Every structure is written in C-alpha cells, then in structure tokens.
Protein backbone atom coordinates (compact mmCIF):
# COMPACT_ATOMS: atom_id res chain seq x y z
CA MET A 1 0.00 0.00 0.00
CA ALA A 2 1.05 3.63 -0.42
CA SER A 3 3.12 5.16 2.33
CA ALA A 4 1.07 7.28 4.74
CA TYR A 5 3.90 9.86 4.84
CA LEU A 6 4.23 10.42 1.08
CA SER A 7 3.57 14.10 0.36
CA MET A 8 1.95 15.34 -2.86
CA GLY A 9 5.19 17.09 -3.75
CA GLU A 10 7.24 13.91 -3.33
CA ALA A 11 4.67 11.91 -5.34
CA HIS A 12 4.83 14.53 -8.14
CA ARG A 13 8.66 14.34 -8.10
CA ARG A 14 8.66 10.53 -8.42
CA ILE A 15 6.22 10.57 -11.34
CA THR A 16 8.25 13.28 -13.13
CA ASP A 17 11.45 11.31 -12.49
CA PHE A 18 9.86 8.20 -14.06
CA LEU A 19 8.65 10.16 -17.11
CA ASN A 20 12.15 11.58 -17.59
CA ARG A 21 13.66 8.12 -17.33
CA PHE A 22 11.30 6.78 -19.97
CA SER A 23 11.83 9.59 -22.50
CA ASP A 24 15.62 9.56 -21.89
CA ALA A 25 15.70 5.77 -22.45
CA VAL A 26 13.86 6.13 -25.77
CA SER A 27 15.90 9.11 -27.02
CA SER A 28 19.25 7.51 -26.06
CA GLN A 29 18.09 4.00 -27.18
CA ASP A 30 18.82 2.56 -23.74
CA ALA A 31 17.03 -0.82 -23.77
CA LYS A 32 18.21 -1.79 -20.25
CA SER A 33 16.41 1.15 -18.65
CA LEU A 34 13.25 0.30 -20.60
CA CYS A 35 13.46 -3.29 -19.33
CA LEU A 36 13.31 -2.01 -15.71
CA ILE A 37 10.40 0.29 -16.53
CA PHE A 38 8.22 -2.56 -17.89
CA SER A 39 9.15 -5.24 -15.30
CA ILE A 40 5.94 -4.90 -13.29
CA SER A 41 6.04 -8.35 -11.65
CA SER A 42 9.64 -7.86 -10.45
CA ASN A 43 8.42 -5.79 -7.45
CA SER A 44 11.52 -3.59 -7.84
CA SER A 45 11.85 -0.79 -5.26
CA PHE A 46 11.86 1.74 -8.14
CA LEU A 47 8.44 0.59 -9.42
CA LEU A 48 7.01 0.13 -5.91
CA SER A 49 7.89 3.73 -5.02
CA LEU A 50 6.33 4.92 -8.29
CA SER A 51 3.10 2.98 -7.68
CA ASP A 52 2.90 4.52 -4.18
CA ALA A 53 3.24 7.94 -5.82
CA LEU A 54 0.50 7.13 -8.36
CA ILE A 55 -1.88 6.11 -5.57
CA THR A 56 -1.15 9.38 -3.68
CA PHE A 57 -1.13 11.69 -6.72
CA GLN A 58 -4.30 10.70 -8.56
CA ASP A 59 -3.87 12.85 -11.68
CA ALA A 60 -0.68 11.60 -13.32
CA SER A 61 -2.09 12.45 -16.78
CA ARG A 62 -1.89 16.16 -15.84
CA VAL A 63 1.87 15.85 -15.27
CA MET A 64 2.21 14.13 -18.63
CA ARG A 65 0.33 16.83 -20.53
CA GLN A 66 2.72 19.50 -19.21
CA ALA A 67 5.48 18.56 -21.67
CA ASP A 68 5.50 17.32 -25.28
CA ARG A 69 8.37 14.93 -24.59
CA TYR A 70 6.01 12.97 -22.31
CA SER A 71 2.64 13.46 -24.00
CA GLN A 72 3.77 11.83 -27.29
CA TYR A 73 4.07 8.57 -25.31
CA ALA A 74 0.76 8.95 -23.45
CA ASP A 75 -0.70 5.82 -25.12
CA ILE A 76 2.09 3.75 -23.56
CA LEU A 77 2.54 5.53 -20.23
CA LEU A 78 -1.03 6.17 -19.05
CA PRO A 79 -2.09 2.49 -19.26
CA LEU A 80 1.32 1.50 -17.80
CA PHE A 81 0.57 3.76 -14.80
CA ARG A 82 -2.86 2.12 -14.40
CA ALA A 83 -1.24 -1.31 -14.62
CA LEU A 84 1.31 -0.44 -11.91
CA GLN A 85 -1.30 1.09 -9.63
CA SER A 86 -3.69 -1.88 -10.02
CA TYR A 87 -0.84 -4.37 -9.48
CA ARG A 88 0.10 -2.58 -6.24
CA LEU A 89 -3.55 -2.70 -5.11
CA LYS A 90 -3.67 -6.42 -6.07
CA ASN A 91 -6.34 -5.88 -8.75
CA LEU A 92 -4.64 -8.30 -11.13
CA VAL A 93 -7.30 -8.43 -13.87
CA GLU A 94 -7.28 -4.62 -14.14
CA SER A 95 -3.47 -4.65 -14.07
CA TYR A 96 -3.29 -7.14 -16.96
CA GLN A 97 -5.85 -5.27 -19.08
CA ALA A 98 -4.01 -1.96 -18.66
CA PHE A 99 -0.61 -3.57 -19.27
CA GLU A 100 -1.82 -5.14 -22.51
CA LYS A 101 -2.89 -1.67 -23.73
CA ALA A 102 0.54 -0.25 -22.86
CA ALA A 103 2.24 -3.25 -24.52
CA ASN A 104 0.14 -2.81 -27.65
CA ALA A 105 1.05 0.88 -27.91
CA PHE A 106 4.75 0.11 -27.33
CA THR A 107 4.68 -2.58 -30.06
CA GLN A 108 3.27 0.01 -32.51
CA GLU A 109 6.16 2.34 -31.68
CA PHE A 110 8.67 -0.53 -31.97
CA ARG A 111 7.28 -1.39 -35.42
CA ASN A 112 8.10 2.16 -36.60
CA TRP A 113 11.67 2.18 -35.27
CA GLU A 114 14.12 1.14 -37.96
CA SER A 115 16.65 -0.68 -35.77
CA ALA A 116 16.10 -3.49 -33.26
CA TRP A 117 17.64 -1.56 -30.32
CA ALA A 118 14.59 -2.15 -28.07
CA LEU A 119 14.38 -5.95 -28.53
CA GLU A 120 15.32 -6.74 -24.91
CA ALA A 121 12.52 -4.42 -23.73
CA LEU A 122 10.08 -6.19 -26.04
CA TYR A 123 11.19 -9.51 -24.49
CA VAL A 124 10.33 -8.14 -21.03
CA ILE A 125 6.93 -6.97 -22.32
CA ALA A 126 6.22 -10.43 -23.83
CA TYR A 127 7.24 -12.13 -20.56
CA GLU A 128 5.22 -9.73 -18.37
CA THR A 129 2.16 -10.11 -20.61
CA ARG A 130 2.22 -13.87 -19.99
CA ILE A 131 2.94 -13.65 -16.24
CA LEU A 132 0.30 -10.96 -15.57
CA ALA A 133 -2.26 -12.92 -17.63
CA GLU A 134 -1.59 -16.08 -15.58
CA ARG A 135 -2.08 -14.13 -12.34
CA ALA A 136 -5.21 -12.40 -13.67
CA ASP A 137 -6.67 -15.81 -14.59
CA ARG A 138 -6.03 -17.10 -11.07
CA GLU A 139 -7.91 -14.07 -9.72
CA LEU A 140 -10.81 -14.67 -12.13
CA ALA A 141 -10.98 -18.37 -11.23
CA SER A 142 -10.95 -17.61 -7.48
CA ASN A 143 -13.93 -15.25 -8.03
CA GLY A 144 -15.82 -17.98 -9.91
CA LYS A 145 -15.31 -16.32 -13.32
CA THR A 146 -13.97 -17.80 -16.54
CA PRO A 147 -10.18 -17.43 -16.84
CA GLU A 148 -9.63 -15.85 -20.28
CA LYS A 149 -6.67 -13.50 -20.02
CA LEU A 150 -3.97 -16.05 -20.89
CA LYS A 151 -5.82 -16.82 -24.09
CA GLY A 152 -5.88 -13.07 -24.80
CA ALA A 153 -2.14 -12.88 -24.07
CA GLY A 154 -1.60 -15.59 -26.70
CA SER A 155 -3.51 -13.54 -29.30
CA PHE A 156 -1.50 -10.41 -28.43
CA LEU A 157 1.85 -12.26 -28.64
CA MET A 158 0.90 -13.62 -32.07
CA LYS A 159 0.68 -9.96 -33.17
CA VAL A 160 4.12 -9.30 -31.68
CA PHE A 161 5.43 -12.37 -33.53
CA GLY A 162 4.08 -10.87 -36.75
CA VAL A 163 5.98 -7.63 -36.10
CA LEU A 164 9.23 -9.57 -35.59
CA ALA A 165 8.83 -12.13 -38.36
CA GLY A 166 9.68 -9.70 -41.17
CA LYS A 167 13.09 -9.27 -42.70
CA GLY A 168 15.86 -7.35 -40.99
CA SER A 169 17.54 -7.33 -37.57
CA LYS A 170 14.28 -7.59 -35.59
CA ARG A 171 13.65 -11.19 -36.70
CA VAL A 172 16.10 -12.64 -34.14
CA GLY A 173 13.47 -11.75 -31.52
CA ALA A 174 10.87 -14.04 -33.10
CA LEU A 175 12.14 -17.15 -31.31
CA TYR A 176 11.84 -15.60 -27.81
CA VAL A 177 8.21 -14.67 -28.47
CA THR A 178 7.59 -18.14 -29.94
CA CYS A 179 8.85 -19.70 -26.68
CA GLN A 180 6.48 -17.47 -24.64
CA LEU A 181 3.64 -18.63 -26.92
CA PHE A 182 4.62 -22.27 -26.34
CA LYS A 183 4.44 -21.72 -22.57
CA ILE A 184 0.93 -20.26 -22.98
CA TYR A 185 -0.30 -23.04 -25.29
CA PHE A 186 1.08 -25.82 -23.08
CA LYS A 187 -0.49 -24.19 -20.00
CA LEU A 188 -3.87 -23.85 -21.75
CA GLY A 189 -3.68 -27.36 -23.23
CA THR A 190 -3.95 -25.96 -26.76
CA VAL A 191 -0.69 -27.43 -28.09
CA HIS A 192 -2.16 -27.77 -31.60
CA LEU A 193 -1.77 -23.98 -31.88
CA CYS A 194 2.03 -24.42 -31.76
CA LYS A 195 1.96 -25.74 -35.33
CA SER A 196 1.44 -22.37 -37.02
CA VAL A 197 4.42 -20.79 -35.21
CA THR A 198 6.76 -23.77 -35.68
CA ARG A 199 5.87 -23.83 -39.37
CA SER A 200 6.83 -20.16 -39.65
CA ILE A 201 10.18 -20.73 -37.91
CA GLU A 202 11.10 -23.98 -39.64
CA THR A 203 9.95 -23.36 -43.21
CA ALA A 204 10.36 -19.59 -43.69
CA ARG A 205 13.48 -18.67 -45.60
CA ILE A 206 13.91 -15.45 -43.62
CA PHE A 207 14.84 -17.42 -40.47
CA ASP A 208 18.29 -18.94 -40.06
CA PHE A 209 18.01 -21.01 -36.88
CA GLU A 210 21.70 -20.52 -36.05
CA GLU A 211 21.19 -16.73 -35.94
CA PHE A 212 18.93 -16.92 -32.88
CA PRO A 213 20.31 -16.50 -29.33
CA LEU A 214 21.36 -19.83 -27.74
CA ARG A 215 18.97 -19.40 -24.76
CA ASP A 216 16.00 -19.18 -27.14
CA LYS A 217 17.20 -22.11 -29.29
CA VAL A 218 17.41 -24.35 -26.18
CA THR A 219 13.89 -23.36 -25.03
CA TYR A 220 12.51 -23.83 -28.55
CA MET A 221 14.08 -27.30 -28.92
CA TYR A 222 12.75 -28.27 -25.46
CA TYR A 223 9.16 -27.37 -26.35
CA THR A 224 9.22 -28.75 -29.90
CA GLY A 225 10.84 -31.91 -28.46
CA ARG A 226 7.90 -32.22 -26.06
CA LEU A 227 5.54 -31.80 -29.02
CA GLU A 228 7.30 -34.68 -30.80
CA VAL A 229 6.87 -36.84 -27.65
CA TYR A 230 3.18 -35.91 -27.70
CA ASN A 231 3.00 -37.01 -31.36
CA GLU A 232 5.04 -40.18 -30.62
CA ASN A 233 7.71 -39.15 -33.11
CA PHE A 234 10.58 -40.45 -30.98
CA SER A 235 13.52 -39.98 -33.33
CA ALA A 236 12.66 -36.27 -33.80
CA ALA A 237 12.00 -35.94 -30.03
CA ASP A 238 15.39 -37.53 -29.33
CA HIS A 239 17.15 -35.09 -31.69
CA LYS A 240 15.44 -31.98 -30.30
CA LEU A 241 15.63 -32.82 -26.59
CA SER A 242 19.25 -34.00 -26.95
CA TYR A 243 20.06 -30.64 -28.58
CA ALA A 244 18.38 -28.81 -25.68
CA LEU A 245 20.33 -30.91 -23.14
CA SER A 246 23.74 -30.55 -24.76
CA HIS A 247 23.36 -26.76 -25.22
CA CYS A 248 21.71 -26.02 -21.85
CA ASN A 249 23.74 -24.02 -19.34
CA PRO A 250 25.21 -26.75 -17.05
CA ARG A 251 24.60 -24.54 -14.00
CA LYS A 252 20.85 -24.45 -14.67
CA GLU A 253 20.08 -27.75 -12.94
CA ARG A 254 16.33 -27.11 -12.86
CA ASN A 255 16.27 -26.67 -16.66
CA ILE A 256 18.37 -29.82 -17.18
CA ARG A 257 15.93 -31.73 -14.98
CA MET A 258 12.98 -30.46 -17.05
CA ILE A 259 14.64 -31.61 -20.29
CA LEU A 260 15.57 -35.03 -18.84
CA LYS A 261 12.00 -35.55 -17.63
CA TYR A 262 11.05 -35.95 -21.31
CA LEU A 263 14.33 -37.14 -22.80
CA ILE A 264 14.57 -40.17 -20.47
CA PRO A 265 11.22 -41.71 -21.62
CA VAL A 266 12.27 -41.07 -25.24
CA LYS A 267 15.64 -42.78 -24.67
CA LEU A 268 13.93 -45.68 -22.91
CA SER A 269 11.58 -46.11 -25.85
CA ILE A 270 14.57 -46.53 -28.19
CA GLY A 271 16.31 -48.93 -25.82
CA ILE A 272 18.77 -46.62 -24.01
CA LEU A 273 18.79 -46.95 -20.21
CA PRO A 274 20.09 -44.00 -18.13
CA LYS A 275 22.60 -44.50 -15.32
CA THR A 276 21.24 -44.51 -11.76
CA SER A 277 23.72 -41.70 -10.91
CA LEU A 278 22.00 -39.44 -13.49
CA LEU A 279 18.56 -40.13 -11.97
CA GLU A 280 19.88 -39.45 -8.45
CA LYS A 281 21.73 -36.24 -9.46
CA TYR A 282 18.66 -34.63 -11.01
CA ASN A 283 16.11 -36.09 -8.56
CA LEU A 284 14.34 -38.17 -11.21
CA THR A 285 13.98 -41.21 -8.96
CA GLU A 286 10.45 -41.89 -10.29
CA TYR A 287 12.28 -43.58 -13.19
CA ASN A 288 14.41 -45.87 -10.97
CA ASN A 289 12.04 -48.84 -10.92
CA ILE A 290 11.10 -48.43 -14.58
CA VAL A 291 14.77 -48.76 -15.54
CA LEU A 292 15.18 -51.69 -13.14
CA ALA A 293 12.09 -53.42 -14.63
CA LEU A 294 13.61 -53.07 -18.11
CA ARG A 295 16.94 -54.48 -16.95
CA ARG A 296 15.28 -57.47 -15.25
CA GLY A 297 12.44 -58.10 -17.67
CA ASP A 298 10.10 -57.66 -14.70
CA LEU A 299 6.61 -56.78 -15.90
CA ARG A 300 5.14 -56.58 -12.40
CA LEU A 301 7.77 -54.01 -11.32
CA LEU A 302 7.07 -51.86 -14.41
CA ARG A 303 3.33 -51.87 -13.74
CA CYS A 304 3.83 -51.04 -10.05
CA ALA A 305 6.17 -48.14 -10.93
CA LEU A 306 3.65 -46.77 -13.45
CA GLN A 307 0.86 -47.06 -10.91
CA GLU A 308 2.88 -45.41 -8.12
CA HIS A 309 3.78 -42.34 -10.21
CA GLU A 310 0.71 -42.32 -12.44
CA ASP A 311 -0.40 -38.75 -11.60
CA GLN A 312 3.09 -37.37 -12.17
CA PHE A 313 3.54 -39.16 -15.51
CA LEU A 314 0.06 -38.18 -16.70
CA ARG A 315 0.72 -34.51 -15.84
CA SER A 316 4.00 -34.61 -17.79
CA GLY A 317 2.30 -36.34 -20.72
CA VAL A 318 4.76 -39.27 -20.75
CA TYR A 319 2.53 -41.98 -19.25
CA LEU A 320 1.55 -43.52 -22.60
CA VAL A 321 5.20 -43.54 -23.74
CA LEU A 322 6.21 -45.42 -20.58
CA GLU A 323 3.26 -47.79 -20.79
CA LYS A 324 4.49 -48.91 -24.22
CA LEU A 325 7.75 -50.12 -22.64
CA GLU A 326 5.92 -53.34 -21.79
CA LEU A 327 7.02 -54.85 -25.12
CA GLN A 328 10.67 -54.20 -24.22
CA VAL A 329 10.11 -55.86 -20.84
CA TYR A 330 8.66 -58.96 -22.56
CA GLN A 331 11.69 -58.95 -24.88
CA ARG A 332 14.06 -58.87 -21.87
CA LEU A 333 12.14 -61.65 -20.14
CA LEU A 334 12.32 -63.80 -23.28
CA LYS A 335 16.04 -63.05 -23.56
CA LYS A 336 16.61 -64.19 -19.96
CA LEU A 337 14.74 -67.43 -20.61
CA TYR A 338 16.81 -67.92 -23.78
CA ILE A 339 20.09 -67.44 -21.82
CA ILE A 340 18.99 -69.88 -19.07
CA GLN A 341 17.97 -72.45 -21.69
CA LYS A 342 21.25 -71.97 -23.58
CA GLN A 343 23.20 -72.80 -20.42
CA LYS A 344 21.20 -76.04 -20.01
CA ASP A 345 21.14 -77.18 -23.63
CA GLN A 346 22.93 -75.25 -26.38
CA ASN A 347 21.00 -77.06 -29.14
CA LYS A 348 17.52 -76.23 -27.84
CA ALA A 349 18.20 -72.66 -26.72
CA HIS A 350 16.37 -71.11 -29.67
CA GLN A 351 13.14 -73.06 -29.04
CA ILE A 352 11.15 -71.53 -26.19
CA LYS A 353 7.88 -73.14 -25.17
CA LEU A 354 5.00 -70.81 -24.45
CA ASP A 355 4.30 -72.78 -21.31
CA LEU A 356 7.72 -71.72 -19.97
CA ILE A 357 6.86 -68.03 -20.52
CA VAL A 358 3.47 -68.56 -18.81
CA ARG A 359 5.29 -70.04 -15.77
CA ALA A 360 7.84 -67.20 -15.69
CA LEU A 361 5.01 -64.63 -15.70
CA LYS A 362 3.20 -66.57 -12.96
CA TRP A 363 6.35 -66.38 -10.87
CA LEU A 364 6.14 -62.57 -11.36
CA GLU A 365 2.53 -62.82 -10.09
CA ILE A 366 1.08 -62.08 -13.54
CA ASP A 367 -1.62 -64.51 -14.65
CA MET A 368 -1.77 -65.07 -18.40
CA ASP A 369 -2.89 -68.04 -20.40
CA VAL A 370 -1.07 -69.56 -23.38
CA ASP A 371 -3.28 -67.75 -25.92
CA GLU A 372 -2.50 -64.32 -24.41
CA VAL A 373 1.23 -65.10 -24.39
CA GLU A 374 1.02 -66.30 -27.99
CA CYS A 375 -0.56 -62.98 -28.96
CA ILE A 376 2.23 -61.00 -27.24
CA MET A 377 4.97 -63.11 -28.87
CA SER A 378 3.38 -62.50 -32.28
CA ILE A 379 3.49 -58.73 -31.65
CA LEU A 380 7.16 -58.95 -30.57
CA ILE A 381 8.04 -60.75 -33.82
CA TYR A 382 5.91 -58.39 -35.94
CA LYS A 383 7.48 -55.28 -34.36
CA ASN A 384 11.02 -56.69 -34.75
CA PHE A 385 11.73 -56.93 -31.01
CA VAL A 386 12.41 -60.61 -31.65
CA LYS A 387 13.64 -62.37 -34.78
CA GLY A 388 12.03 -65.73 -35.36
CA TYR A 389 8.70 -67.35 -36.08
CA PHE A 390 5.87 -68.98 -34.25
CA ALA A 391 5.17 -72.72 -34.35
CA HIS A 392 1.46 -72.65 -33.62
CA LYS A 393 0.90 -76.44 -33.33
CA SER A 394 3.66 -77.12 -30.86
CA LYS A 395 3.17 -73.75 -29.06
CA VAL A 396 6.85 -72.84 -29.41
CA VAL A 397 8.64 -69.59 -30.29
CA VAL A 398 11.48 -70.53 -32.64
CA LEU A 399 14.17 -67.84 -32.41
CA SER A 400 16.55 -66.98 -35.20
CA LYS A 401 20.02 -68.46 -34.63
CA GLN A 402 21.55 -65.16 -35.72
CA ASP A 403 20.79 -62.04 -33.66
CA PRO A 404 17.43 -63.19 -32.19
CA PHE A 405 17.10 -59.97 -30.15
CA PRO A 406 17.84 -56.96 -32.40
CA ARG A 407 19.14 -53.91 -30.58
CA LEU A 408 17.01 -50.78 -30.56
CA THR A 409 19.22 -48.00 -31.88
CA GLY A 410 19.76 -44.63 -30.27
CA LYS A 411 22.32 -42.41 -28.53
CA ALA A 412 22.88 -42.72 -24.80
CA VAL A 413 21.86 -39.99 -22.33
CA ASN A 414 24.91 -38.17 -21.01
CA SER A 415 25.28 -38.02 -17.27
C-alpha cells in the first residue's frame, strides 16, 4: 500500500522522475532502462515507489500533458501507470488489461523504429504479458469467473510475432516470443496452436536457426521436443531434446531436470537406459524402478512403478510412452529365458515353449494363459523386437540363430 507519509510534492517528483527516465531511455536508445520500466512483476523498489506515488497523486495524466516529450508517449505511459497502480492494489485483472494496452502501444512504436535496439525491452513486455495474464486468470478463477486473459495474451503475442517475423535485424526476436507462446499453449492445453508458429520458424526462408540467441534455441528445442513426444515421433524428439540438453547451461540444474524428464522416456523407448547416478543427481527417482524393470524383464515391477507415479507421468504427458515399454520388458524376459535355456542345452536354446513363458510370468505374479502369451509373442516378432517365427501347433517360439534380439538404436543420455 502507499506510504502514509508520502507528500503530494514527493509523489509529483517521483512521477516526473519516471517520465524523464522513460523519454531519456527512448531518445538515447537505452534498452536496459526500458526493461526495468516494464518489469511490473519484479516488485523492484523503483516501481514500488512509483506505484505509491500514483496512488497518492491521482492525476498523473496532468503531469504528462505538461510537456510534449512525455505526451507523445501517453498511449504507452497512461495504461502502464494504471497497470502499476492496479498491481500494487492487487487488482490483477485490471493490471493485466491496462498492461496489454501499454504493450500494444509500445509494439506500434517498436514497429516504426528502424533498428532493433529495443528488442530486450520487447522480451520483457512479452514475458510480463504472460505472467500478468496467468495471475489475472487465477484471480478470475478464485472469483468464480472464466479465466480468459492467458488466451488473450496468446492472441497479443501472435501480433508481436508478426511484427518480428519480417526481414531485418528484428527477426532474431521471433524465437523468444515463440517460446512465450509455447508456454501459454502448453499451459492452456492448446498445443495444436504451436503448429502455425513452428511452421513459420522452420519453413520460412527469412529465419536462419543458427542466428537466434542460444537461450532461445534451447527453449525452442525443449518445447518442440515435447511436441514430438506428444506425437510419438521419438527420433525427432530424441534429436530436439538432446540438442536442448547438450546446449543447456550446465549450472541451470532445474532446466536440465525439465529436459531429462522428457528425454529419459524417449531414450527408454529406443532402448537406451540411463545411469542410476543421473537419476539421483537430477532427482528423477520416479524412473528408478522403470529402468530396473527393463533391466530385469520384470513386468510386475514396471506396472507397479507406473501405478505409483501415475499422476506425475500423466501430468507430464509421458505416461503412454512409458506404458508402451511393456514390449521391451517382454523382450528382456524372453532373452533371460533364452540365456537360461542356452546354459542347459545349447541345441535347444532357440526353441522356447509358451508354457515356460506362462510359468515365468506366474512367478512374477502375472496370470496369463497360453493364448494371451502367444498374442504377445506374435506382436514382438511383428514389431522386430524378436527375430524368429511362431510354431502354432507345438506352441513354441522358434528364435533366429543369428541375432534373435535386435538392438534398438539410439544415442545414450549423457550423465
């Protein structure tokens, strides 16, 4: 709340000081100062003292009209003042609405400037638009109203993307705005909307991916990698998430953990098991028993691990990927039976009776009859997890004598 001791004179001085800072930043092309001016959610002492002044001195527009150097930016500054004041008073819906007006007016100015000097400030505006919209939606939901501001933020940022997607130096900002859009679409559960932006980035000739800042490339590859997981395109997901991991700042452990959360299921699906030390280091222990189940060929352990962390895996969107690891577990189980049989009788190692598999599953407390096992073995052969054929009459899987268990190819996760 505003300080009880703030005089009208002091409030007037603070507002004038802010207006001078803004016009000086624009005339000297000082993007860093503009970044501070628009960082509403940062709760900086500079903005808090200004919002106190705005609450005390109700007619800030009068101060602005006193000089041309301020009044030409009234479309940006008046709604920005309202946004700051509302944010200070915890009226988050009003704060977002006013900020979006200020952001819109600033984007119009930015469009007219020839150089890209204010890009960093536009990044802050894009970030704040998303953050304020999220907070406004929480306020709306808590009052029993429909949360709609984040959706509006997405529409506004698409306009900003359009401003940046032209030719020239401004286009390097397009990827940052794209990443903010991804965060909005993933939060809203409207990931299909990502397609239009990714198509623009990946097919437009005006974009050279290597030109973009590394931070934005990592974020972009992380989100598009997640999209590939969602679409079950595992080789593309592997490529994109591996890029994000290898180019991520090694000190940003939280970001590395977020990438691994999706990269590990992808690696598992192509037959690459991570080291336990990697899971421990990044606190991804929910994968411990899944990896162990794959190593052992233990179907019961896999199902228990999926059940135990079901909510977590469903929230991440990797549950279905992990559920499909069952085929690999059957392959491992069959391989173990093959090795045991080989030790007993080299000549009969490649002939595995279905009844033996039924008994092995029973020992793992999984009840299946011969017909169900036959069906699973047929799928393993069809999907090239196992090389061989099925002798239906004698109920035997006859494995190929050369490479009966083809390796799934893929690159290992680095620890």
